[in-house]
Protein backbone atom coordinates (compact mmCIF):
# COMPACT_ATOMS: atom_id res chain seq x y z
CA MET A 1 -12.81 -2.08 8.68
CA PRO A 2 -15.20 -5.47 8.99
CA TYR A 3 -15.03 -6.44 13.34
CA GLY A 4 -13.96 -10.02 14.15
CA GLU A 5 -11.08 -11.52 13.55
CA TYR A 6 -9.10 -9.86 11.00
CA ALA A 7 -8.01 -6.37 11.38
CA GLU A 8 -6.17 -3.72 8.82
CA CYS A 9 -4.11 -0.53 9.59
CA PRO A 10 -5.55 1.95 6.83
CA LYS A 11 -2.62 3.89 7.81
CA CYS A 12 0.12 1.72 7.13
CA GLY A 13 -1.88 -1.49 5.57
CA LYS A 14 -1.03 -3.25 8.65
CA LYS A 15 -2.31 -6.29 9.01
CA ALA A 16 -3.99 -8.86 11.74
CA TYR A 17 -5.89 -12.25 11.34
CA ASN A 18 -7.17 -13.41 14.60
CA LYS A 19 -7.95 -11.59 18.48
CA ASP A 20 -4.38 -12.90 19.58
CA GLN A 21 -2.58 -10.60 17.03
CA ILE A 22 -5.75 -7.96 17.58
CA GLU A 23 -5.05 -7.41 20.46
CA LYS A 24 -0.48 -7.33 20.67
CA PHE A 25 -0.61 -5.29 16.61
CA PHE A 26 -4.68 -3.07 16.94
CA GLY A 27 -5.77 -3.46 21.17
CA TYR A 28 -9.51 -2.95 21.76
CA ARG A 29 -11.83 -0.10 22.76
CA ALA A 30 -14.87 0.04 23.62
CA LEU A 31 -17.90 2.08 22.66
CA LYS A 32 -20.78 3.72 24.76
CA ASN A 33 -23.10 1.18 23.98
CA GLY A 34 -20.92 -1.36 25.99
CA LYS A 35 -19.11 -2.68 22.60
CA ILE A 36 -15.55 -3.73 21.90
CA ILE A 37 -14.09 -3.80 18.84
CA PRO A 38 -10.68 -3.28 18.49
CA GLN A 39 -9.16 0.09 17.48
CA SER A 40 -8.66 1.38 13.89
CA TRP A 41 -4.86 2.60 13.30
CA CYS A 42 -2.41 0.40 14.84
CA ARG A 43 -0.62 0.90 18.01
CA ASP A 44 2.56 1.70 16.30
CA CYS A 45 0.53 4.17 13.63
CA ARG A 46 -1.06 5.48 17.32
CA SER A 47 1.80 6.25 19.01
CA SER A 48 3.94 7.69 16.51
CA ASN A 49 1.05 9.93 15.33
CA GLY A 50 2.29 13.41 17.65
CA LYS A 51 5.13 12.65 15.33
CA SER A 52 3.41 13.78 12.04
CA ASN A 53 0.36 16.00 11.44
CA GLY A 54 -1.09 11.99 11.81
CA TYR A 55 -1.56 11.57 8.00
CA GLY A 56 1.13 10.50 7.10
CA GLU A 57 3.68 13.99 5.73
């Protein structure tokens, strides 16, 4: 996923097109090198991950 003002969840396909939407639907994470990037999975998929095997099955 390219970083910037766009994010797409690889599990459900949810998309965010600006920083506000990324914050609301995905959140951000800080890497060890200090770079801050969007989470790859949306908040909904991350919160439901424990209820399945993590691959939508």
